[in-house]
Amino acid sequence: MNTCFVDTNLFVRYLTDDDAKKADRVEALLSKASEGKVQLVTSDFVLVELIWVLESSYKMKPGEITPMIRAIMATPGMEVINGELMARALDHYENKNVDIVDGYIAALMKKLNITDVFSFDRKHLSRIGDLNRIEP
């Protein structure tokens, strides 16, 4: 079975259906993965970029975006590199009202058993109770 990496733009076409022909082709690819005909791999960085595109270009909100990202991550035949970290980052993004990168930072810190973070970001990082924001 062939293993292929999936880039951000395929997910954008699929989720926004802004190019119906390309969206249909991506849907066919995801079906092939679900049927075990191809193994798909993507990364946490692709999903972070996808969130940024959906927010900035399509004006979507976290409550709309998060279920879509979770659905991608749950697609049979799809592996997400650092998927566990991404899932935790999504929790912060959706439930703590922080941007996805800060959510990811908090998830990575938790994985590494780090509780202190040097940052001037009072808005987002301070919303995450598991960490201690320190200004140098």
Protein backbone atom coordinates (compact mmCIF):
# COMPACT_ATOMS: atom_id res chain seq x y z
CA MET A 1 0.00 0.00 0.00
CA ASN A 2 1.24 3.45 -0.93
CA THR A 3 1.77 6.07 1.80
CA CYS A 4 1.32 9.71 0.83
CA PHE A 5 1.54 13.03 2.65
CA VAL A 6 -1.45 15.38 2.52
CA ASP A 7 -0.80 19.12 2.25
CA THR A 8 -2.93 21.92 3.69
CA ASN A 9 -4.51 23.03 0.41
CA LEU A 10 -6.28 19.69 -0.06
CA PHE A 11 -8.00 20.10 3.29
CA VAL A 12 -8.91 23.70 2.47
CA ARG A 13 -10.57 22.67 -0.81
CA TYR A 14 -12.40 19.81 0.90
CA LEU A 15 -13.65 21.75 3.93
CA THR A 16 -14.65 24.93 2.13
CA ASP A 17 -15.86 23.38 -1.13
CA ASP A 18 -14.69 26.57 -2.84
CA ASP A 19 -13.63 24.47 -5.82
CA ALA A 20 -16.20 21.68 -6.09
CA LYS A 21 -14.19 19.54 -8.53
CA LYS A 22 -11.11 19.59 -6.31
CA ALA A 23 -13.24 19.00 -3.20
CA ASP A 24 -14.72 15.92 -4.88
CA ARG A 25 -11.24 14.65 -5.75
CA VAL A 26 -10.14 15.05 -2.12
CA GLU A 27 -13.29 13.27 -0.95
CA ALA A 28 -12.43 10.38 -3.28
CA LEU A 29 -8.90 10.27 -1.85
CA LEU A 30 -10.23 10.17 1.72
CA SER A 31 -12.58 7.36 0.72
CA LYS A 32 -9.62 5.40 -0.68
CA ALA A 33 -7.85 5.86 2.63
CA SER A 34 -10.93 4.71 4.54
CA GLU A 35 -11.07 1.61 2.35
CA GLY A 36 -7.40 0.82 3.04
CA LYS A 37 -6.26 1.48 -0.52
CA VAL A 38 -3.83 4.24 0.47
CA GLN A 39 -2.27 5.39 3.74
CA LEU A 40 -2.38 9.14 4.27
CA VAL A 41 -0.09 11.10 6.56
CA THR A 42 -0.23 14.74 7.56
CA SER A 43 1.27 16.73 10.40
CA ASP A 44 0.30 18.97 13.23
CA PHE A 45 1.86 21.90 11.34
CA VAL A 46 -0.42 21.27 8.37
CA LEU A 47 -3.44 21.37 10.68
CA VAL A 48 -2.20 24.55 12.38
CA GLU A 49 -1.80 26.15 8.95
CA LEU A 50 -5.27 24.92 8.00
CA ILE A 51 -6.76 26.57 11.09
CA TRP A 52 -4.97 29.81 10.26
CA VAL A 53 -6.32 29.75 6.67
CA LEU A 54 -9.87 28.99 7.81
CA GLU A 55 -9.73 31.83 10.36
CA SER A 56 -8.03 34.45 8.21
CA SER A 57 -9.35 33.77 4.71
CA TYR A 58 -12.73 32.19 5.44
CA LYS A 59 -13.52 34.07 8.69
CA MET A 60 -14.46 30.88 10.52
CA LYS A 61 -14.57 30.70 14.31
CA PRO A 62 -13.04 28.04 16.61
CA GLY A 63 -16.46 26.47 17.21
CA GLU A 64 -16.78 25.84 13.47
CA ILE A 65 -13.17 24.84 12.85
CA THR A 66 -12.53 22.43 15.73
CA PRO A 67 -15.07 19.77 14.67
CA MET A 68 -13.63 19.81 11.15
CA ILE A 69 -10.07 19.31 12.39
CA ARG A 70 -11.18 16.51 14.73
CA ALA A 71 -12.96 14.83 11.81
CA ILE A 72 -9.77 14.94 9.74
CA MET A 73 -7.83 13.46 12.63
CA ALA A 74 -10.40 10.66 12.97
CA THR A 75 -10.38 9.75 9.29
CA PRO A 76 -9.60 6.04 8.85
CA GLY A 77 -6.34 5.64 6.96
CA MET A 78 -5.08 9.05 8.08
CA GLU A 79 -2.13 9.42 10.44
CA VAL A 80 -1.47 12.81 12.00
CA ILE A 81 2.11 13.26 13.13
CA ASN A 82 1.96 14.54 16.72
CA GLY A 83 -1.79 13.94 16.68
CA GLU A 84 -1.99 13.58 20.45
CA LEU A 85 -0.42 17.02 20.93
CA MET A 86 -2.72 18.47 18.30
CA ALA A 87 -5.78 17.02 20.03
CA ARG A 88 -4.77 18.66 23.31
CA ALA A 89 -3.99 21.94 21.49
CA LEU A 90 -7.50 21.82 20.00
CA ASP A 91 -8.94 21.45 23.50
CA HIS A 92 -7.18 24.66 24.58
CA TYR A 93 -8.12 26.42 21.34
CA GLU A 94 -11.79 25.58 21.71
CA ASN A 95 -12.29 25.62 25.47
CA LYS A 96 -9.80 28.25 26.71
CA ASN A 97 -10.28 30.71 23.84
CA VAL A 98 -6.59 30.82 22.91
CA ASP A 99 -5.05 30.76 19.48
CA ILE A 100 -3.97 27.37 18.20
CA VAL A 101 -0.24 28.04 18.51
CA ASP A 102 -0.56 28.98 22.18
CA GLY A 103 -2.74 25.91 22.68
CA TYR A 104 -0.02 23.82 21.08
CA ILE A 105 2.66 25.39 23.27
CA ALA A 106 0.63 24.51 26.36
CA ALA A 107 0.12 20.94 25.11
CA LEU A 108 3.84 20.54 24.42
CA MET A 109 4.76 21.93 27.82
CA LYS A 110 2.41 19.44 29.49
CA LYS A 111 3.97 16.56 27.53
CA LEU A 112 7.45 17.70 28.61
CA ASN A 113 6.36 18.29 32.23
CA ILE A 114 7.23 21.97 32.00
CA THR A 115 5.03 24.33 33.98
CA ASP A 116 6.84 27.68 33.65
CA VAL A 117 6.88 29.69 30.46
CA PHE A 118 8.64 32.97 29.83
CA SER A 119 6.26 35.13 27.84
CA PHE A 120 4.86 38.63 27.58
CA ASP A 121 1.56 37.16 26.29
CA ARG A 122 -0.92 37.97 29.03
CA LYS A 123 -3.97 37.41 26.86
CA HIS A 124 -3.72 33.76 25.82
CA LEU A 125 -1.18 31.92 27.92
CA SER A 126 -2.66 33.26 31.14
CA ARG A 127 -5.96 31.55 30.29
CA ILE A 128 -4.39 28.11 30.56
CA GLY A 129 -4.39 27.07 34.20
CA ASP A 130 -1.75 24.36 33.93
CA LEU A 131 1.11 26.75 33.34
CA ASN A 132 2.80 29.62 35.07
CA ARG A 133 3.54 32.60 32.80
CA ILE A 134 6.61 34.57 33.86
CA GLU A 135 7.87 37.84 32.44
CA PRO A 136 11.68 38.05 32.30
